[in-house]
Amino acid sequence: MARARNLMVAAGLVAFAAAGMSFPFYMASSRKPVIDPTKPLPPQATFRGPYINTGSRDVGPDFGELTEKTCNLLSSILFCLTDVLSST
């Protein structure tokens, strides 16, 4: 009984995941484009452009400059890792 219920739950989860993963493909293959090329762009799209981060060069924080807080955090993490690895 429990095995059959587990199989039903697993099948439901697989079906839900498959539906969720196929949704982007369905949206990409739909006939209607997101922005109609025959009409002018809406005001928000002309302000931001059709793609929000096309020209962005920000790739995250600069790891060349470590603050004291970051160094303390990294050293405590490394200390804990070496302690755990040496105890095994």
PDB file of N, CA and C in Angstrom:
ATOM      1  N   MET A   1       0.824  -1.192   0.000  1.00  0.00           N
ATOM      2  CA  MET A   1       0.000   0.000   0.000  1.00  0.00           C
ATOM      3  C   MET A   1       0.866   1.252   0.000  1.00  0.00           C
ATOM      4  N   ALA A   2       1.880   1.284   0.882  1.00  0.00           N
ATOM      5  CA  ALA A   2       2.748   2.458   0.970  1.00  0.00           C
ATOM      6  C   ALA A   2       3.595   2.602  -0.292  1.00  0.00           C
ATOM      7  N   ARG A   3       4.004   1.470  -0.868  1.00  0.00           N
ATOM      8  CA  ARG A   3       4.808   1.526  -2.088  1.00  0.00           C
ATOM      9  C   ARG A   3       3.990   2.083  -3.243  1.00  0.00           C
ATOM     10  N   ALA A   4       2.729   1.683  -3.349  1.00  0.00           N
ATOM     11  CA  ALA A   4       1.872   2.198  -4.418  1.00  0.00           C
ATOM     12  C   ALA A   4       1.649   3.697  -4.250  1.00  0.00           C
ATOM     13  N   ARG A   5       1.471   4.119  -3.014  1.00  0.00           N
ATOM     14  CA  ARG A   5       1.281   5.556  -2.759  1.00  0.00           C
ATOM     15  C   ARG A   5       2.551   6.338  -3.097  1.00  0.00           C
ATOM     16  N   ASN A   6       3.708   5.777  -2.746  1.00  0.00           N
ATOM     17  CA  ASN A   6       4.969   6.434  -3.082  1.00  0.00           C
ATOM     18  C   ASN A   6       5.153   6.548  -4.590  1.00  0.00           C
ATOM     19  N   LEU A   7       4.768   5.502  -5.319  1.00  0.00           N
ATOM     20  CA  LEU A   7       4.869   5.549  -6.775  1.00  0.00           C
ATOM     21  C   LEU A   7       3.930   6.598  -7.359  1.00  0.00           C
ATOM     22  N   MET A   8       2.730   6.731  -6.787  1.00  0.00           N
ATOM     23  CA  MET A   8       1.794   7.755  -7.267  1.00  0.00           C
ATOM     24  C   MET A   8       2.343   9.153  -7.005  1.00  0.00           C
ATOM     25  N   VAL A   9       2.915   9.363  -5.838  1.00  0.00           N
ATOM     26  CA  VAL A   9       3.496  10.668  -5.507  1.00  0.00           C
ATOM     27  C   VAL A   9       4.680  10.962  -6.420  1.00  0.00           C
ATOM     28  N   ALA A  10       5.531   9.966  -6.650  1.00  0.00           N
ATOM     29  CA  ALA A  10       6.686  10.152  -7.530  1.00  0.00           C
ATOM     30  C   ALA A  10       6.239  10.466  -8.955  1.00  0.00           C
ATOM     31  N   ALA A  11       5.221   9.752  -9.438  1.00  0.00           N
ATOM     32  CA  ALA A  11       4.715  10.018 -10.786  1.00  0.00           C
ATOM     33  C   ALA A  11       4.119  11.420 -10.873  1.00  0.00           C
ATOM     34  N   GLY A  12       3.412  11.839  -9.839  1.00  0.00           N
ATOM     35  CA  GLY A  12       2.863  13.193  -9.823  1.00  0.00           C
ATOM     36  C   GLY A  12       3.946  14.250  -9.824  1.00  0.00           C
ATOM     37  N   LEU A  13       5.007  14.020  -9.057  1.00  0.00           N
ATOM     38  CA  LEU A  13       6.114  14.974  -9.034  1.00  0.00           C
ATOM     39  C   LEU A  13       6.835  15.038 -10.376  1.00  0.00           C
ATOM     40  N   VAL A  14       7.016  13.890 -11.011  1.00  0.00           N
ATOM     41  CA  VAL A  14       7.658  13.867 -12.326  1.00  0.00           C
ATOM     42  C   VAL A  14       6.787  14.591 -13.347  1.00  0.00           C
ATOM     43  N   ALA A  15       5.473  14.365 -13.303  1.00  0.00           N
ATOM     44  CA  ALA A  15       4.571  15.047 -14.232  1.00  0.00           C
ATOM     45  C   ALA A  15       4.580  16.553 -13.994  1.00  0.00           C
ATOM     46  N   PHE A  16       4.584  16.965 -12.734  1.00  0.00           N
ATOM     47  CA  PHE A  16       4.618  18.388 -12.408  1.00  0.00           C
ATOM     48  C   PHE A  16       5.922  19.025 -12.889  1.00  0.00           C
ATOM     49  N   ALA A  17       7.044  18.342 -12.674  1.00  0.00           N
ATOM     50  CA  ALA A  17       8.338  18.866 -13.119  1.00  0.00           C
ATOM     51  C   ALA A  17       8.406  18.930 -14.641  1.00  0.00           C
ATOM     52  N   ALA A  18       7.875  17.916 -15.316  1.00  0.00           N
ATOM     53  CA  ALA A  18       7.879  17.919 -16.780  1.00  0.00           C
ATOM     54  C   ALA A  18       7.030  19.059 -17.324  1.00  0.00           C
ATOM     55  N   ALA A  19       5.884  19.298 -16.703  1.00  0.00           N
ATOM     56  CA  ALA A  19       5.040  20.412 -17.141  1.00  0.00           C
ATOM     57  C   ALA A  19       5.744  21.744 -16.902  1.00  0.00           C
ATOM     58  N   GLY A  20       6.414  21.878 -15.771  1.00  0.00           N
ATOM     59  CA  GLY A  20       7.124  23.121 -15.475  1.00  0.00           C
ATOM     60  C   GLY A  20       8.293  23.362 -16.407  1.00  0.00           C
ATOM     61  N   MET A  21       8.997  22.293 -16.772  1.00  0.00           N
ATOM     62  CA  MET A  21      10.136  22.461 -17.673  1.00  0.00           C
ATOM     63  C   MET A  21       9.716  22.642 -19.122  1.00  0.00           C
ATOM     64  N   SER A  22       8.540  22.157 -19.493  1.00  0.00           N
ATOM     65  CA  SER A  22       8.099  22.320 -20.876  1.00  0.00           C
ATOM     66  C   SER A  22       7.422  23.664 -21.111  1.00  0.00           C
ATOM     67  N   PHE A  23       7.061  24.378 -20.055  1.00  0.00           N
ATOM     68  CA  PHE A  23       6.378  25.662 -20.208  1.00  0.00           C
ATOM     69  C   PHE A  23       7.205  26.686 -20.989  1.00  0.00           C
ATOM     70  N   PRO A  24       8.510  26.859 -20.717  1.00  0.00           N
ATOM     71  CA  PRO A  24       9.275  27.826 -21.521  1.00  0.00           C
ATOM     72  C   PRO A  24       9.325  27.469 -22.996  1.00  0.00           C
ATOM     73  N   PHE A  25       9.400  26.175 -23.316  1.00  0.00           N
ATOM     74  CA  PHE A  25       9.411  25.772 -24.718  1.00  0.00           C
ATOM     75  C   PHE A  25       8.072  26.082 -25.383  1.00  0.00           C
ATOM     76  N   TYR A  26       6.993  25.888 -24.649  1.00  0.00           N
ATOM     77  CA  TYR A  26       5.671  26.222 -25.174  1.00  0.00           C
ATOM     78  C   TYR A  26       5.557  27.722 -25.424  1.00  0.00           C
ATOM     79  N   MET A  27       6.032  28.523 -24.476  1.00  0.00           N
ATOM     80  CA  MET A  27       5.945  29.974 -24.636  1.00  0.00           C
ATOM     81  C   MET A  27       6.819  30.452 -25.792  1.00  0.00           C
ATOM     82  N   ALA A  28       7.984  29.836 -25.975  1.00  0.00           N
ATOM     83  CA  ALA A  28       8.875  30.245 -27.057  1.00  0.00           C
ATOM     84  C   ALA A  28       8.314  29.865 -28.416  1.00  0.00           C
ATOM     85  N   SER A  29       7.542  28.802 -28.473  1.00  0.00           N
ATOM     86  CA  SER A  29       7.011  28.363 -29.762  1.00  0.00           C
ATOM     87  C   SER A  29       5.614  28.902 -30.042  1.00  0.00           C
ATOM     88  N   SER A  30       5.100  29.746 -29.160  1.00  0.00           N
ATOM     89  CA  SER A  30       3.768  30.304 -29.418  1.00  0.00           C
ATOM     90  C   SER A  30       3.834  31.233 -30.625  1.00  0.00           C
ATOM     91  N   ARG A  31       2.739  31.378 -31.307  1.00  0.00           N
ATOM     92  CA  ARG A  31       2.711  32.139 -32.550  1.00  0.00           C
ATOM     93  C   ARG A  31       2.814  33.647 -32.320  1.00  0.00           C
ATOM     94  N   LYS A  32       2.297  34.123 -31.229  1.00  0.00           N
ATOM     95  CA  LYS A  32       2.267  35.557 -30.982  1.00  0.00           C
ATOM     96  C   LYS A  32       3.570  35.989 -30.298  1.00  0.00           C
ATOM     97  N   PRO A  33       4.341  36.918 -30.902  1.00  0.00           N
ATOM     98  CA  PRO A  33       5.560  37.381 -30.240  1.00  0.00           C
ATOM     99  C   PRO A  33       5.241  38.262 -29.038  1.00  0.00           C
ATOM    100  N   VAL A  34       6.190  38.360 -28.122  1.00  0.00           N
ATOM    101  CA  VAL A  34       5.984  39.160 -26.924  1.00  0.00           C
ATOM    102  C   VAL A  34       5.850  40.634 -27.286  1.00  0.00           C
ATOM    103  N   ILE A  35       6.730  41.125 -28.156  1.00  0.00           N
ATOM    104  CA  ILE A  35       6.661  42.508 -28.632  1.00  0.00           C
ATOM    105  C   ILE A  35       6.317  42.465 -30.111  1.00  0.00           C
ATOM    106  N   ASP A  36       5.204  43.092 -30.486  1.00  0.00           N
ATOM    107  CA  ASP A  36       4.746  43.114 -31.873  1.00  0.00           C
ATOM    108  C   ASP A  36       5.652  44.035 -32.684  1.00  0.00           C
ATOM    109  N   PRO A  37       6.350  43.504 -33.698  1.00  0.00           N
ATOM    110  CA  PRO A  37       7.279  44.345 -34.455  1.00  0.00           C
ATOM    111  C   PRO A  37       6.591  45.369 -35.353  1.00  0.00           C
ATOM    112  N   THR A  38       5.290  45.209 -35.610  1.00  0.00           N
ATOM    113  CA  THR A  38       4.597  46.158 -36.480  1.00  0.00           C
ATOM    114  C   THR A  38       4.135  47.395 -35.735  1.00  0.00           C
ATOM    115  N   LYS A  39       4.071  47.331 -34.416  1.00  0.00           N
ATOM    116  CA  LYS A  39       3.613  48.464 -33.615  1.00  0.00           C
ATOM    117  C   LYS A  39       4.809  49.141 -32.942  1.00  0.00           C
ATOM    118  N   PRO A  40       4.656  50.415 -32.571  1.00  0.00           N
ATOM    119  CA  PRO A  40       5.745  51.060 -31.823  1.00  0.00           C
ATOM    120  C   PRO A  40       5.876  50.454 -30.429  1.00  0.00           C
ATOM    121  N   LEU A  41       7.070  50.563 -29.883  1.00  0.00           N
ATOM    122  CA  LEU A  41       7.304  50.011 -28.551  1.00  0.00           C
ATOM    123  C   LEU A  41       6.513  50.787 -27.510  1.00  0.00           C
ATOM    124  N   PRO A  42       6.031  50.106 -26.466  1.00  0.00           N
ATOM    125  CA  PRO A  42       5.359  50.826 -25.385  1.00  0.00           C
ATOM    126  C   PRO A  42       6.360  51.726 -24.649  1.00  0.00           C
ATOM    127  N   PRO A  43       5.867  52.733 -23.919  1.00  0.00           N
ATOM    128  CA  PRO A  43       6.786  53.675 -23.257  1.00  0.00           C
ATOM    129  C   PRO A  43       7.799  53.011 -22.325  1.00  0.00           C
ATOM    130  N   GLN A  44       7.375  51.995 -21.595  1.00  0.00           N
ATOM    131  CA  GLN A  44       8.309  51.342 -20.682  1.00  0.00           C
ATOM    132  C   GLN A  44       9.416  50.631 -21.455  1.00  0.00           C
ATOM    133  N   ALA A  45       9.084  50.018 -22.577  1.00  0.00           N
ATOM    134  CA  ALA A  45      10.088  49.313 -23.368  1.00  0.00           C
ATOM    135  C   ALA A  45      11.046  50.292 -24.037  1.00  0.00           C
ATOM    136  N   THR A  46      10.562  51.467 -24.436  1.00  0.00           N
ATOM    137  CA  THR A  46      11.469  52.443 -25.042  1.00  0.00           C
ATOM    138  C   THR A  46      12.394  53.035 -23.995  1.00  0.00           C
ATOM    139  N   PHE A  47      11.936  53.101 -22.763  1.00  0.00           N
ATOM    140  CA  PHE A  47      12.782  53.628 -21.687  1.00  0.00           C
ATOM    141  C   PHE A  47      13.896  52.636 -21.352  1.00  0.00           C
ATOM    142  N   ARG A  48      13.555  51.359 -21.220  1.00  0.00           N
ATOM    143  CA  ARG A  48      14.530  50.336 -20.832  1.00  0.00           C
ATOM    144  C   ARG A  48      15.167  49.663 -22.025  1.00  0.00           C
ATOM    145  N   GLY A  49      14.524  49.712 -23.155  1.00  0.00           N
ATOM    146  CA  GLY A  49      14.976  48.948 -24.301  1.00  0.00           C
ATOM    147  C   GLY A  49      14.295  47.593 -24.282  1.00  0.00           C
ATOM    148  N   PRO A  50      14.313  46.872 -25.390  1.00  0.00           N
ATOM    149  CA  PRO A  50      13.642  45.578 -25.420  1.00  0.00           C
ATOM    150  C   PRO A  50      14.297  44.543 -24.509  1.00  0.00           C
ATOM    151  N   TYR A  51      15.564  44.736 -24.182  1.00  0.00           N
ATOM    152  CA  TYR A  51      16.248  43.810 -23.284  1.00  0.00           C
ATOM    153  C   TYR A  51      16.765  44.619 -22.096  1.00  0.00           C
ATOM    154  N   ILE A  52      16.486  44.147 -20.899  1.00  0.00           N
ATOM    155  CA  ILE A  52      16.758  44.946 -19.707  1.00  0.00           C
ATOM    156  C   ILE A  52      18.257  45.109 -19.465  1.00  0.00           C
ATOM    157  N   ASN A  53      19.030  44.041 -19.492  1.00  0.00           N
ATOM    158  CA  ASN A  53      20.444  44.119 -19.105  1.00  0.00           C
ATOM    159  C   ASN A  53      21.392  43.873 -20.272  1.00  0.00           C
ATOM    160  N   THR A  54      21.030  44.324 -21.457  1.00  0.00           N
ATOM    161  CA  THR A  54      21.865  44.041 -22.615  1.00  0.00           C
ATOM    162  C   THR A  54      23.249  44.665 -22.489  1.00  0.00           C
ATOM    163  N   GLY A  55      23.318  45.926 -22.067  1.00  0.00           N
ATOM    164  CA  GLY A  55      24.600  46.611 -22.017  1.00  0.00           C
ATOM    165  C   GLY A  55      25.241  46.624 -20.654  1.00  0.00           C
ATOM    166  N   SER A  56      24.743  45.840 -19.728  1.00  0.00           N
ATOM    167  CA  SER A  56      25.274  45.869 -18.374  1.00  0.00           C
ATOM    168  C   SER A  56      26.624  45.176 -18.316  1.00  0.00           C
ATOM    169  N   ARG A  57      27.583  45.818 -17.692  1.00  0.00           N
ATOM    170  CA  ARG A  57      28.901  45.217 -17.524  1.00  0.00           C
ATOM    171  C   ARG A  57      29.143  44.812 -16.069  1.00  0.00           C
ATOM    172  N   ASP A  58      28.134  44.943 -15.244  1.00  0.00           N
ATOM    173  CA  ASP A  58      28.274  44.601 -13.835  1.00  0.00           C
ATOM    174  C   ASP A  58      28.189  43.088 -13.680  1.00  0.00           C
ATOM    175  N   VAL A  59      29.272  42.486 -13.258  1.00  0.00           N
ATOM    176  CA  VAL A  59      29.307  41.038 -13.100  1.00  0.00           C
ATOM    177  C   VAL A  59      29.408  40.627 -11.652  1.00  0.00           C
ATOM    178  N   GLY A  60      29.202  41.568 -10.752  1.00  0.00           N
ATOM    179  CA  GLY A  60      29.232  41.230  -9.342  1.00  0.00           C
ATOM    180  C   GLY A  60      30.299  42.005  -8.604  1.00  0.00           C
ATOM    181  N   PRO A  61      30.508  41.658  -7.351  1.00  0.00           N
ATOM    182  CA  PRO A  61      31.484  42.395  -6.548  1.00  0.00           C
ATOM    183  C   PRO A  61      32.911  42.134  -7.009  1.00  0.00           C
ATOM    184  N   ASP A  62      33.767  43.093  -6.749  1.00  0.00           N
ATOM    185  CA  ASP A  62      35.175  42.964  -7.086  1.00  0.00           C
ATOM    186  C   ASP A  62      35.865  42.195  -5.966  1.00  0.00           C
ATOM    187  N   PHE A  63      36.332  41.003  -6.283  1.00  0.00           N
ATOM    188  CA  PHE A  63      36.966  40.183  -5.263  1.00  0.00           C
ATOM    189  C   PHE A  63      38.433  40.556  -5.064  1.00  0.00           C
ATOM    190  N   GLY A  64      38.927  41.532  -5.808  1.00  0.00           N
ATOM    191  CA  GLY A  64      40.291  41.990  -5.624  1.00  0.00           C
ATOM    192  C   GLY A  64      40.454  42.754  -4.326  1.00  0.00           C
ATOM    193  N   GLU A  65      39.397  43.377  -3.862  1.00  0.00           N
ATOM    194  CA  GLU A  65      39.450  44.157  -2.632  1.00  0.00           C
ATOM    195  C   GLU A  65      38.613  43.457  -1.570  1.00  0.00           C
ATOM    196  N   LEU A  66      39.272  42.797  -0.638  1.00  0.00           N
ATOM    197  CA  LEU A  66      38.568  42.103   0.433  1.00  0.00           C
ATOM    198  C   LEU A  66      38.530  42.995   1.665  1.00  0.00           C
ATOM    199  N   THR A  67      37.371  43.117   2.238  1.00  0.00           N
ATOM    200  CA  THR A  67      37.252  43.891   3.466  1.00  0.00           C
ATOM    201  C   THR A  67      37.663  43.025   4.648  1.00  0.00           C
ATOM    202  N   GLU A  68      37.836  43.651   5.791  1.00  0.00           N
ATOM    203  CA  GLU A  68      38.229  42.910   6.993  1.00  0.00           C
ATOM    204  C   GLU A  68      37.157  41.902   7.382  1.00  0.00           C
ATOM    205  N   LYS A  69      35.889  42.297   7.229  1.00  0.00           N
ATOM    206  CA  LYS A  69      34.784  41.401   7.574  1.00  0.00           C
ATOM    207  C   LYS A  69      34.797  40.169   6.673  1.00  0.00           C
ATOM    208  N   THR A  70      35.041  40.373   5.372  1.00  0.00           N
ATOM    209  CA  THR A  70      35.077  39.257   4.434  1.00  0.00           C
ATOM    210  C   THR A  70      36.249  38.338   4.747  1.00  0.00           C
ATOM    211  N   CYS A  71      37.396  38.914   5.068  1.00  0.00           N
ATOM    212  CA  CYS A  71      38.565  38.095   5.410  1.00  0.00           C
ATOM    213  C   CYS A  71      38.312  37.272   6.661  1.00  0.00           C
ATOM    214  N   ASN A  72      37.689  37.874   7.658  1.00  0.00           N
ATOM    215  CA  ASN A  72      37.382  37.136   8.884  1.00  0.00           C
ATOM    216  C   ASN A  72      36.411  35.998   8.605  1.00  0.00           C
ATOM    217  N   LEU A  73      35.417  36.251   7.766  1.00  0.00           N
ATOM    218  CA  LEU A  73      34.447  35.219   7.418  1.00  0.00           C
ATOM    219  C   LEU A  73      35.125  34.077   6.675  1.00  0.00           C
ATOM    220  N   LEU A  74      35.958  34.417   5.689  1.00  0.00           N
ATOM    221  CA  LEU A  74      36.641  33.377   4.925  1.00  0.00           C
ATOM    222  C   LEU A  74      37.593  32.566   5.800  1.00  0.00           C
ATOM    223  N   SER A  75      38.304  33.231   6.688  1.00  0.00           N
ATOM    224  CA  SER A  75      39.230  32.492   7.547  1.00  0.00           C
ATOM    225  C   SER A  75      38.483  31.585   8.517  1.00  0.00           C
ATOM    226  N   SER A  76      37.323  32.029   9.020  1.00  0.00           N
ATOM    227  CA  SER A  76      36.560  31.165   9.924  1.00  0.00           C
ATOM    228  C   SER A  76      35.976  29.969   9.182  1.00  0.00           C
ATOM    229  N   ILE A  77      35.559  30.161   7.941  1.00  0.00           N
ATOM    230  CA  ILE A  77      35.045  29.039   7.145  1.00  0.00           C
ATOM    231  C   ILE A  77      36.161  28.034   6.887  1.00  0.00           C
ATOM    232  N   LEU A  78      37.332  28.530   6.495  1.00  0.00           N
ATOM    233  CA  LEU A  78      38.455  27.628   6.239  1.00  0.00           C
ATOM    234  C   LEU A  78      38.881  26.890   7.506  1.00  0.00           C
ATOM    235  N   PHE A  79      38.855  27.583   8.634  1.00  0.00           N
ATOM    236  CA  PHE A  79      39.206  26.935   9.901  1.00  0.00           C
ATOM    237  C   PHE A  79      38.234  25.808  10.214  1.00  0.00           C
ATOM    238  N   CYS A  80      36.932  26.067  10.027  1.00  0.00           N
ATOM    239  CA  CYS A  80      35.926  25.031  10.298  1.00  0.00           C
ATOM    240  C   CYS A  80      36.093  23.848   9.359  1.00  0.00           C
ATOM    241  N   LEU A  81      36.373  24.128   8.088  1.00  0.00           N
ATOM    242  CA  LEU A  81      36.548  23.035   7.131  1.00  0.00           C
ATOM    243  C   LEU A  81      37.765  22.184   7.472  1.00  0.00           C
ATOM    244  N   THR A  82      38.868  22.823   7.813  1.00  0.00           N
ATOM    245  CA  THR A  82      40.057  22.039   8.162  1.00  0.00           C
ATOM    246  C   THR A  82      39.841  21.260   9.444  1.00  0.00           C
ATOM    247  N   ASP A  83      39.086  21.827  10.374  1.00  0.00           N
ATOM    248  CA  ASP A  83      38.788  21.127  11.624  1.00  0.00           C
ATOM    249  C   ASP A  83      37.933  19.893  11.353  1.00  0.00           C
ATOM    250  N   VAL A  84      36.920  20.041  10.496  1.00  0.00           N
ATOM    251  CA  VAL A  84      36.037  18.916  10.170  1.00  0.00           C
ATOM    252  C   VAL A  84      36.800  17.846   9.405  1.00  0.00           C
ATOM    253  N   LEU A  85      37.619  18.258   8.443  1.00  0.00           N
ATOM    254  CA  LEU A  85      38.352  17.280   7.643  1.00  0.00           C
ATOM    255  C   LEU A  85      39.423  16.559   8.454  1.00  0.00           C
ATOM    256  N   SER A  86      40.025  17.243   9.402  1.00  0.00           N
ATOM    257  CA  SER A  86      41.067  16.590  10.198  1.00  0.00           C
ATOM    258  C   SER A  86      40.482  15.629  11.226  1.00  0.00           C
ATOM    259  N   SER A  87      39.219  15.843  11.620  1.00  0.00           N
ATOM    260  CA  SER A  87      38.611  14.959  12.615  1.00  0.00           C
ATOM    261  C   SER A  87      38.096  13.666  12.004  1.00  0.00           C
ATOM    262  N   THR A  88      37.973  13.604  10.689  1.00  0.00           N
ATOM    263  CA  THR A  88      37.467  12.375  10.056  1.00  0.00           C
ATOM    264  C   THR A  88      38.568  11.440   9.684  1.00  0.00           C
TER     265      THR A  88
END
